[in-house]
Amino acid sequence: MKEELMQFEGVVLEALPDTRFRVQLDTGHEIIAYTAGKMKKNRIKTLAGDRVTVEMSPYDLEKGRLVFRHKDERASSGPRPSRPPQFRRR
């Protein structure tokens, strides 16, 4: 059976080279985390200040994998920019 992974939430403090991030967990610990393959595949960008969910192995509590970036409430509350009218060919 596959090992159990622990999930924690935290905030990205800094973007490091090679798609790695310094993350401050809600528990107060700082870890180095890399982007999961699904996030790379779907081109989900992560910036400093983003709230994320991190998966960690119970054997190494210094490294983790970013598996989810939580939506920012500030960005979704504002009005959406209007699009220019679409022209259709008849």
PDB file of N, CA and C in Angstrom:
ATOM      1  N   MET A   1       0.841  -1.185   0.000  1.00  0.00           N
ATOM      2  CA  MET A   1       0.000   0.000   0.000  1.00  0.00           C
ATOM      3  C   MET A   1       0.883   1.244   0.000  1.00  0.00           C
ATOM      4  N   LYS A   2       0.412   2.269  -0.659  1.00  0.00           N
ATOM      5  CA  LYS A   2       1.180   3.501  -0.752  1.00  0.00           C
ATOM      6  C   LYS A   2       1.189   4.213   0.600  1.00  0.00           C
ATOM      7  N   GLU A   3       2.272   4.916   0.876  1.00  0.00           N
ATOM      8  CA  GLU A   3       2.394   5.602   2.155  1.00  0.00           C
ATOM      9  C   GLU A   3       1.416   6.773   2.247  1.00  0.00           C
ATOM     10  N   GLU A   4       1.035   7.110   3.468  1.00  0.00           N
ATOM     11  CA  GLU A   4       0.121   8.223   3.705  1.00  0.00           C
ATOM     12  C   GLU A   4       0.879   9.537   3.612  1.00  0.00           C
ATOM     13  N   LEU A   5       0.348  10.485   2.870  1.00  0.00           N
ATOM     14  CA  LEU A   5       0.940  11.808   2.764  1.00  0.00           C
ATOM     15  C   LEU A   5       0.173  12.756   3.669  1.00  0.00           C
ATOM     16  N   MET A   6       0.894  13.672   4.285  1.00  0.00           N
ATOM     17  CA  MET A   6       0.268  14.664   5.158  1.00  0.00           C
ATOM     18  C   MET A   6       0.054  15.937   4.351  1.00  0.00           C
ATOM     19  N   GLN A   7      -1.077  16.583   4.558  1.00  0.00           N
ATOM     20  CA  GLN A   7      -1.370  17.830   3.852  1.00  0.00           C
ATOM     21  C   GLN A   7      -1.404  18.983   4.844  1.00  0.00           C
ATOM     22  N   PHE A   8      -0.752  20.082   4.465  1.00  0.00           N
ATOM     23  CA  PHE A   8      -0.735  21.292   5.262  1.00  0.00           C
ATOM     24  C   PHE A   8      -1.058  22.470   4.363  1.00  0.00           C
ATOM     25  N   GLU A   9      -1.524  23.552   4.981  1.00  0.00           N
ATOM     26  CA  GLU A   9      -1.747  24.781   4.239  1.00  0.00           C
ATOM     27  C   GLU A   9      -0.711  25.795   4.674  1.00  0.00           C
ATOM     28  N   GLY A  10      -0.381  26.707   3.757  1.00  0.00           N
ATOM     29  CA  GLY A  10       0.611  27.720   4.071  1.00  0.00           C
ATOM     30  C   GLY A  10       0.587  28.838   3.056  1.00  0.00           C
ATOM     31  N   VAL A  11       1.581  29.717   3.180  1.00  0.00           N
ATOM     32  CA  VAL A  11       1.703  30.886   2.311  1.00  0.00           C
ATOM     33  C   VAL A  11       3.082  30.860   1.668  1.00  0.00           C
ATOM     34  N   VAL A  12       3.129  31.129   0.369  1.00  0.00           N
ATOM     35  CA  VAL A  12       4.402  31.173  -0.350  1.00  0.00           C
ATOM     36  C   VAL A  12       5.129  32.458   0.042  1.00  0.00           C
ATOM     37  N   LEU A  13       6.350  32.299   0.549  1.00  0.00           N
ATOM     38  CA  LEU A  13       7.152  33.456   0.944  1.00  0.00           C
ATOM     39  C   LEU A  13       8.008  33.966  -0.203  1.00  0.00           C
ATOM     40  N   GLU A  14       8.566  33.024  -0.983  1.00  0.00           N
ATOM     41  CA  GLU A  14       9.549  33.411  -1.980  1.00  0.00           C
ATOM     42  C   GLU A  14       9.583  32.368  -3.092  1.00  0.00           C
ATOM     43  N   ALA A  15       9.736  32.826  -4.318  1.00  0.00           N
ATOM     44  CA  ALA A  15       9.916  31.935  -5.456  1.00  0.00           C
ATOM     45  C   ALA A  15      11.411  31.734  -5.661  1.00  0.00           C
ATOM     46  N   LEU A  16      11.834  30.477  -5.706  1.00  0.00           N
ATOM     47  CA  LEU A  16      13.242  30.124  -5.878  1.00  0.00           C
ATOM     48  C   LEU A  16      13.458  29.591  -7.284  1.00  0.00           C
ATOM     49  N   PRO A  17      14.703  29.453  -7.719  1.00  0.00           N
ATOM     50  CA  PRO A  17      14.952  28.898  -9.051  1.00  0.00           C
ATOM     51  C   PRO A  17      14.466  27.458  -9.161  1.00  0.00           C
ATOM     52  N   ASP A  18      14.267  27.005 -10.395  1.00  0.00           N
ATOM     53  CA  ASP A  18      13.906  25.621 -10.687  1.00  0.00           C
ATOM     54  C   ASP A  18      12.523  25.253 -10.151  1.00  0.00           C
ATOM     55  N   THR A  19      11.572  26.159 -10.246  1.00  0.00           N
ATOM     56  CA  THR A  19      10.166  25.989  -9.817  1.00  0.00           C
ATOM     57  C   THR A  19      10.052  25.468  -8.394  1.00  0.00           C
ATOM     58  N   ARG A  20      10.862  25.991  -7.514  1.00  0.00           N
ATOM     59  CA  ARG A  20      10.772  25.669  -6.091  1.00  0.00           C
ATOM     60  C   ARG A  20      10.333  26.926  -5.349  1.00  0.00           C
ATOM     61  N   PHE A  21       9.744  26.720  -4.182  1.00  0.00           N
ATOM     62  CA  PHE A  21       9.197  27.831  -3.409  1.00  0.00           C
ATOM     63  C   PHE A  21       9.526  27.649  -1.938  1.00  0.00           C
ATOM     64  N   ARG A  22       9.721  28.758  -1.237  1.00  0.00           N
ATOM     65  CA  ARG A  22       9.857  28.732   0.214  1.00  0.00           C
ATOM     66  C   ARG A  22       8.463  28.999   0.766  1.00  0.00           C
ATOM     67  N   VAL A  23       7.946  28.063   1.571  1.00  0.00           N
ATOM     68  CA  VAL A  23       6.566  28.133   2.054  1.00  0.00           C
ATOM     69  C   VAL A  23       6.570  28.176   3.576  1.00  0.00           C
ATOM     70  N   GLN A  24       5.798  29.105   4.143  1.00  0.00           N
ATOM     71  CA  GLN A  24       5.588  29.182   5.592  1.00  0.00           C
ATOM     72  C   GLN A  24       4.272  28.472   5.885  1.00  0.00           C
ATOM     73  N   LEU A  25       4.339  27.352   6.593  1.00  0.00           N
ATOM     74  CA  LEU A  25       3.137  26.594   6.931  1.00  0.00           C
ATOM     75  C   LEU A  25       2.380  27.285   8.049  1.00  0.00           C
ATOM     76  N   ASP A  26       1.096  26.946   8.191  1.00  0.00           N
ATOM     77  CA  ASP A  26       0.286  27.515   9.260  1.00  0.00           C
ATOM     78  C   ASP A  26       0.809  27.113  10.633  1.00  0.00           C
ATOM     79  N   THR A  27       1.558  26.014  10.699  1.00  0.00           N
ATOM     80  CA  THR A  27       2.125  25.559  11.970  1.00  0.00           C
ATOM     81  C   THR A  27       3.349  26.370  12.369  1.00  0.00           C
ATOM     82  N   GLY A  28       3.879  27.206  11.460  1.00  0.00           N
ATOM     83  CA  GLY A  28       5.022  28.047  11.754  1.00  0.00           C
ATOM     84  C   GLY A  28       6.321  27.565  11.128  1.00  0.00           C
ATOM     85  N   HIS A  29       6.341  26.355  10.578  1.00  0.00           N
ATOM     86  CA  HIS A  29       7.554  25.823   9.967  1.00  0.00           C
ATOM     87  C   HIS A  29       7.736  26.378   8.556  1.00  0.00           C
ATOM     88  N   GLU A  30       9.002  26.522   8.140  1.00  0.00           N
ATOM     89  CA  GLU A  30       9.331  26.914   6.775  1.00  0.00           C
ATOM     90  C   GLU A  30       9.886  25.715   6.051  1.00  0.00           C
ATOM     91  N   ILE A  31       9.384  25.471   4.842  1.00  0.00           N
ATOM     92  CA  ILE A  31       9.852  24.337   4.045  1.00  0.00           C
ATOM     93  C   ILE A  31      10.152  24.799   2.624  1.00  0.00           C
ATOM     94  N   ILE A  32      10.814  23.926   1.870  1.00  0.00           N
ATOM     95  CA  ILE A  32      11.037  24.130   0.442  1.00  0.00           C
ATOM     96  C   ILE A  32      10.071  23.186  -0.276  1.00  0.00           C
ATOM     97  N   ALA A  33       9.301  23.718  -1.226  1.00  0.00           N
ATOM     98  CA  ALA A  33       8.319  22.904  -1.942  1.00  0.00           C
ATOM     99  C   ALA A  33       8.487  23.102  -3.438  1.00  0.00           C
ATOM    100  N   TYR A  34       8.175  22.051  -4.186  1.00  0.00           N
ATOM    101  CA  TYR A  34       8.216  22.135  -5.645  1.00  0.00           C
ATOM    102  C   TYR A  34       6.802  21.983  -6.188  1.00  0.00           C
ATOM    103  N   THR A  35       6.620  22.399  -7.426  1.00  0.00           N
ATOM    104  CA  THR A  35       5.303  22.372  -8.054  1.00  0.00           C
ATOM    105  C   THR A  35       4.965  20.964  -8.517  1.00  0.00           C
ATOM    106  N   ALA A  36       3.762  20.497  -8.240  1.00  0.00           N
ATOM    107  CA  ALA A  36       3.312  19.177  -8.668  1.00  0.00           C
ATOM    108  C   ALA A  36       3.136  19.154 -10.186  1.00  0.00           C
ATOM    109  N   GLY A  37       3.206  17.971 -10.759  1.00  0.00           N
ATOM    110  CA  GLY A  37       3.108  17.803 -12.202  1.00  0.00           C
ATOM    111  C   GLY A  37       1.791  18.286 -12.778  1.00  0.00           C
ATOM    112  N   LYS A  38       0.691  18.064 -12.078  1.00  0.00           N
ATOM    113  CA  LYS A  38      -0.623  18.514 -12.576  1.00  0.00           C
ATOM    114  C   LYS A  38      -0.677  20.035 -12.640  1.00  0.00           C
ATOM    115  N   MET A  39      -0.021  20.704 -11.687  1.00  0.00           N
ATOM    116  CA  MET A  39      -0.008  22.170 -11.718  1.00  0.00           C
ATOM    117  C   MET A  39       0.837  22.674 -12.882  1.00  0.00           C
ATOM    118  N   LYS A  40       1.935  21.991 -13.180  1.00  0.00           N
ATOM    119  CA  LYS A  40       2.757  22.362 -14.335  1.00  0.00           C
ATOM    120  C   LYS A  40       1.992  22.123 -15.627  1.00  0.00           C
ATOM    121  N   LYS A  41       1.324  20.976 -15.712  1.00  0.00           N
ATOM    122  CA  LYS A  41       0.583  20.604 -16.918  1.00  0.00           C
ATOM    123  C   LYS A  41      -0.524  21.606 -17.218  1.00  0.00           C
ATOM    124  N   ASN A  42      -1.233  22.055 -16.187  1.00  0.00           N
ATOM    125  CA  ASN A  42      -2.334  23.000 -16.364  1.00  0.00           C
ATOM    126  C   ASN A  42      -1.884  24.453 -16.283  1.00  0.00           C
ATOM    127  N   ARG A  43      -0.576  24.684 -16.223  1.00  0.00           N
ATOM    128  CA  ARG A  43       0.032  26.017 -16.228  1.00  0.00           C
ATOM    129  C   ARG A  43      -0.532  26.916 -15.134  1.00  0.00           C
ATOM    130  N   ILE A  44      -0.603  26.383 -13.921  1.00  0.00           N
ATOM    131  CA  ILE A  44      -1.057  27.167 -12.782  1.00  0.00           C
ATOM    132  C   ILE A  44       0.149  27.905 -12.217  1.00  0.00           C
ATOM    133  N   LYS A  45       0.090  29.209 -12.237  1.00  0.00           N
ATOM    134  CA  LYS A  45       1.202  30.040 -11.774  1.00  0.00           C
ATOM    135  C   LYS A  45       1.079  30.269 -10.273  1.00  0.00           C
ATOM    136  N   THR A  46       2.197  30.263  -9.593  1.00  0.00           N
ATOM    137  CA  THR A  46       2.242  30.501  -8.161  1.00  0.00           C
ATOM    138  C   THR A  46       3.193  31.662  -7.909  1.00  0.00           C
ATOM    139  N   LEU A  47       2.734  32.628  -7.127  1.00  0.00           N
ATOM    140  CA  LEU A  47       3.531  33.813  -6.814  1.00  0.00           C
ATOM    141  C   LEU A  47       3.688  33.945  -5.305  1.00  0.00           C
ATOM    142  N   ALA A  48       4.615  34.784  -4.890  1.00  0.00           N
ATOM    143  CA  ALA A  48       4.802  35.049  -3.468  1.00  0.00           C
ATOM    144  C   ALA A  48       3.520  35.658  -2.907  1.00  0.00           C
ATOM    145  N   GLY A  49       3.095  35.170  -1.754  1.00  0.00           N
ATOM    146  CA  GLY A  49       1.868  35.655  -1.125  1.00  0.00           C
ATOM    147  C   GLY A  49       0.663  34.769  -1.385  1.00  0.00           C
ATOM    148  N   ASP A  50       0.770  33.805  -2.297  1.00  0.00           N
ATOM    149  CA  ASP A  50      -0.352  32.904  -2.591  1.00  0.00           C
ATOM    150  C   ASP A  50      -0.535  31.900  -1.460  1.00  0.00           C
ATOM    151  N   ARG A  51      -1.779  31.563  -1.203  1.00  0.00           N
ATOM    152  CA  ARG A  51      -2.107  30.529  -0.209  1.00  0.00           C
ATOM    153  C   ARG A  51      -2.141  29.196  -0.944  1.00  0.00           C
ATOM    154  N   VAL A  52      -1.443  28.176  -0.408  1.00  0.00           N
ATOM    155  CA  VAL A  52      -1.292  26.899  -1.095  1.00  0.00           C
ATOM    156  C   VAL A  52      -1.515  25.737  -0.130  1.00  0.00           C
ATOM    157  N   THR A  53      -1.785  24.568  -0.715  1.00  0.00           N
ATOM    158  CA  THR A  53      -1.820  23.311   0.035  1.00  0.00           C
ATOM    159  C   THR A  53      -0.593  22.518  -0.358  1.00  0.00           C
ATOM    160  N   VAL A  54       0.093  21.967   0.644  1.00  0.00           N
ATOM    161  CA  VAL A  54       1.353  21.262   0.438  1.00  0.00           C
ATOM    162  C   VAL A  54       1.205  19.832   0.929  1.00  0.00           C
ATOM    163  N   GLU A  55       1.670  18.874   0.134  1.00  0.00           N
ATOM    164  CA  GLU A  55       1.734  17.470   0.559  1.00  0.00           C
ATOM    165  C   GLU A  55       3.149  17.173   1.014  1.00  0.00           C
ATOM    166  N   MET A  56       3.264  16.443   2.130  1.00  0.00           N
ATOM    167  CA  MET A  56       4.585  16.102   2.652  1.00  0.00           C
ATOM    168  C   MET A  56       4.601  14.643   3.079  1.00  0.00           C
ATOM    169  N   SER A  57       5.766  14.033   2.959  1.00  0.00           N
ATOM    170  CA  SER A  57       5.971  12.675   3.435  1.00  0.00           C
ATOM    171  C   SER A  57       6.270  12.730   4.933  1.00  0.00           C
ATOM    172  N   PRO A  58       5.813  11.765   5.700  1.00  0.00           N
ATOM    173  CA  PRO A  58       6.132  11.771   7.133  1.00  0.00           C
ATOM    174  C   PRO A  58       7.611  11.508   7.408  1.00  0.00           C
ATOM    175  N   TYR A  59       8.353  11.063   6.404  1.00  0.00           N
ATOM    176  CA  TYR A  59       9.770  10.747   6.589  1.00  0.00           C
ATOM    177  C   TYR A  59      10.680  11.959   6.412  1.00  0.00           C
ATOM    178  N   ASP A  60      10.254  12.957   5.631  1.00  0.00           N
ATOM    179  CA  ASP A  60      11.061  14.149   5.403  1.00  0.00           C
ATOM    180  C   ASP A  60      10.166  15.370   5.557  1.00  0.00           C
ATOM    181  N   LEU A  61      10.290  16.045   6.686  1.00  0.00           N
ATOM    182  CA  LEU A  61       9.425  17.184   6.977  1.00  0.00           C
ATOM    183  C   LEU A  61      10.051  18.525   6.584  1.00  0.00           C
ATOM    184  N   GLU A  62      11.075  18.496   5.740  1.00  0.00           N
ATOM    185  CA  GLU A  62      11.709  19.717   5.263  1.00  0.00           C
ATOM    186  C   GLU A  62      11.344  20.028   3.816  1.00  0.00           C
ATOM    187  N   LYS A  63      10.788  19.058   3.106  1.00  0.00           N
ATOM    188  CA  LYS A  63      10.444  19.226   1.692  1.00  0.00           C
ATOM    189  C   LYS A  63       8.975  18.889   1.487  1.00  0.00           C
ATOM    190  N   GLY A  64       8.393  19.471   0.436  1.00  0.00           N
ATOM    191  CA  GLY A  64       6.998  19.199   0.142  1.00  0.00           C
ATOM    192  C   GLY A  64       6.684  19.420  -1.323  1.00  0.00           C
ATOM    193  N   ARG A  65       5.427  19.168  -1.679  1.00  0.00           N
ATOM    194  CA  ARG A  65       4.972  19.322  -3.056  1.00  0.00           C
ATOM    195  C   ARG A  65       3.716  20.183  -3.040  1.00  0.00           C
ATOM    196  N   LEU A  66       3.731  21.269  -3.830  1.00  0.00           N
ATOM    197  CA  LEU A  66       2.548  22.127  -3.950  1.00  0.00           C
ATOM    198  C   LEU A  66       1.508  21.398  -4.787  1.00  0.00           C
ATOM    199  N   VAL A  67       0.332  21.156  -4.224  1.00  0.00           N
ATOM    200  CA  VAL A  67      -0.699  20.425  -4.958  1.00  0.00           C
ATOM    201  C   VAL A  67      -1.924  21.279  -5.270  1.00  0.00           C
ATOM    202  N   PHE A  68      -2.058  22.445  -4.624  1.00  0.00           N
ATOM    203  CA  PHE A  68      -3.245  23.260  -4.864  1.00  0.00           C
ATOM    204  C   PHE A  68      -2.936  24.710  -4.523  1.00  0.00           C
ATOM    205  N   ARG A  69      -3.352  25.626  -5.391  1.00  0.00           N
ATOM    206  CA  ARG A  69      -3.254  27.057  -5.105  1.00  0.00           C
ATOM    207  C   ARG A  69      -4.658  27.568  -4.872  1.00  0.00           C
ATOM    208  N   HIS A  70      -4.891  28.122  -3.687  1.00  0.00           N
ATOM    209  CA  HIS A  70      -6.225  28.607  -3.336  1.00  0.00           C
ATOM    210  C   HIS A  70      -6.514  29.909  -4.063  1.00  0.00           C
ATOM    211  N   LYS A  71      -7.777  30.075  -4.444  1.00  0.00           N
ATOM    212  CA  LYS A  71      -8.172  31.290  -5.156  1.00  0.00           C
ATOM    213  C   LYS A  71      -8.082  32.485  -4.233  1.00  0.00           C
ATOM    214  N   ASP A  72      -7.719  33.615  -4.816  1.00  0.00           N
ATOM    215  CA  ASP A  72      -7.581  34.853  -4.070  1.00  0.00           C
ATOM    216  C   ASP A  72      -8.936  35.538  -4.005  1.00  0.00           C
ATOM    217  N   GLU A  73      -9.412  35.828  -2.800  1.00  0.00           N
ATOM    218  CA  GLU A  73     -10.725  36.453  -2.637  1.00  0.00           C
ATOM    219  C   GLU A  73     -10.732  37.882  -3.168  1.00  0.00           C
ATOM    220  N   ARG A  74      -9.589  38.559  -3.088  1.00  0.00           N
ATOM    221  CA  ARG A  74      -9.530  39.951  -3.548  1.00  0.00           C
ATOM    222  C   ARG A  74      -9.759  40.046  -5.048  1.00  0.00           C
ATOM    223  N   ALA A  75      -9.204  39.120  -5.812  1.00  0.00           N
ATOM    224  CA  ALA A  75      -9.308  39.189  -7.266  1.00  0.00           C
ATOM    225  C   ALA A  75     -10.716  38.857  -7.750  1.00  0.00           C
ATOM    226  N   SER A  76     -11.422  37.962  -7.053  1.00  0.00           N
ATOM    227  CA  SER A  76     -12.736  37.544  -7.526  1.00  0.00           C
ATOM    228  C   SER A  76     -13.838  38.516  -7.125  1.00  0.00           C
ATOM    229  N   SER A  77     -13.596  39.408  -6.160  1.00  0.00           N
ATOM    230  CA  SER A  77     -14.655  40.298  -5.702  1.00  0.00           C
ATOM    231  C   SER A  77     -14.832  41.514  -6.609  1.00  0.00           C
ATOM    232  N   GLY A  78     -13.828  41.876  -7.379  1.00  0.00           N
ATOM    233  CA  GLY A  78     -13.902  43.055  -8.237  1.00  0.00           C
ATOM    234  C   GLY A  78     -14.685  42.791  -9.499  1.00  0.00           C
ATOM    235  N   PRO A  79     -15.099  43.865 -10.191  1.00  0.00           N
ATOM    236  CA  PRO A  79     -15.833  43.676 -11.444  1.00  0.00           C
ATOM    237  C   PRO A  79     -14.897  43.157 -12.537  1.00  0.00           C
ATOM    238  N   ARG A  80     -15.439  42.372 -13.424  1.00  0.00           N
ATOM    239  CA  ARG A  80     -14.655  41.835 -14.535  1.00  0.00           C
ATOM    240  C   ARG A  80     -14.530  42.885 -15.627  1.00  0.00           C
ATOM    241  N   PRO A  81     -13.395  42.938 -16.292  1.00  0.00           N
ATOM    242  CA  PRO A  81     -13.273  43.898 -17.404  1.00  0.00           C
ATOM    243  C   PRO A  81     -14.163  43.469 -18.561  1.00  0.00           C
ATOM    244  N   SER A  82     -14.772  44.467 -19.214  1.00  0.00           N
ATOM    245  CA  SER A  82     -15.667  44.144 -20.322  1.00  0.00           C
ATOM    246  C   SER A  82     -14.845  43.860 -21.579  1.00  0.00           C
ATOM    247  N   ARG A  83     -15.367  42.977 -22.417  1.00  0.00           N
ATOM    248  CA  ARG A  83     -14.703  42.625 -23.671  1.00  0.00           C
ATOM    249  C   ARG A  83     -15.225  43.508 -24.794  1.00  0.00           C
ATOM    250  N   PRO A  84     -14.391  43.749 -25.773  1.00  0.00           N
ATOM    251  CA  PRO A  84     -14.900  44.493 -26.937  1.00  0.00           C
ATOM    252  C   PRO A  84     -15.922  43.634 -27.681  1.00  0.00           C
ATOM    253  N   PRO A  85     -16.851  44.266 -28.425  1.00  0.00           N
ATOM    254  CA  PRO A  85     -17.874  43.472 -29.130  1.00  0.00           C
ATOM    255  C   PRO A  85     -17.259  42.551 -30.174  1.00  0.00           C
ATOM    256  N   GLN A  86     -17.827  41.366 -30.296  1.00  0.00           N
ATOM    257  CA  GLN A  86     -17.365  40.378 -31.273  1.00  0.00           C
ATOM    258  C   GLN A  86     -18.075  40.639 -32.600  1.00  0.00           C
ATOM    259  N   PHE A  87     -17.308  40.627 -33.680  1.00  0.00           N
ATOM    260  CA  PHE A  87     -17.896  40.796 -34.995  1.00  0.00           C
ATOM    261  C   PHE A  87     -18.033  39.438 -35.645  1.00  0.00           C
ATOM    262  N   ARG A  88     -19.218  39.190 -36.213  1.00  0.00           N
ATOM    263  CA  ARG A  88     -19.480  37.907 -36.864  1.00  0.00           C
ATOM    264  C   ARG A  88     -19.607  38.101 -38.362  1.00  0.00           C
ATOM    265  N   ARG A  89     -19.093  37.149 -39.086  1.00  0.00           N
ATOM    266  CA  ARG A  89     -19.203  37.165 -40.533  1.00  0.00           C
ATOM    267  C   ARG A  89     -20.524  36.511 -40.937  1.00  0.00           C
ATOM    268  N   ARG A  90     -21.214  37.089 -41.880  1.00  0.00           N
ATOM    269  CA  ARG A  90     -22.495  36.500 -42.306  1.00  0.00           C
ATOM    270  C   ARG A  90     -22.338  35.704 -43.565  1.00  0.00           C
TER     271      ARG A  90
END
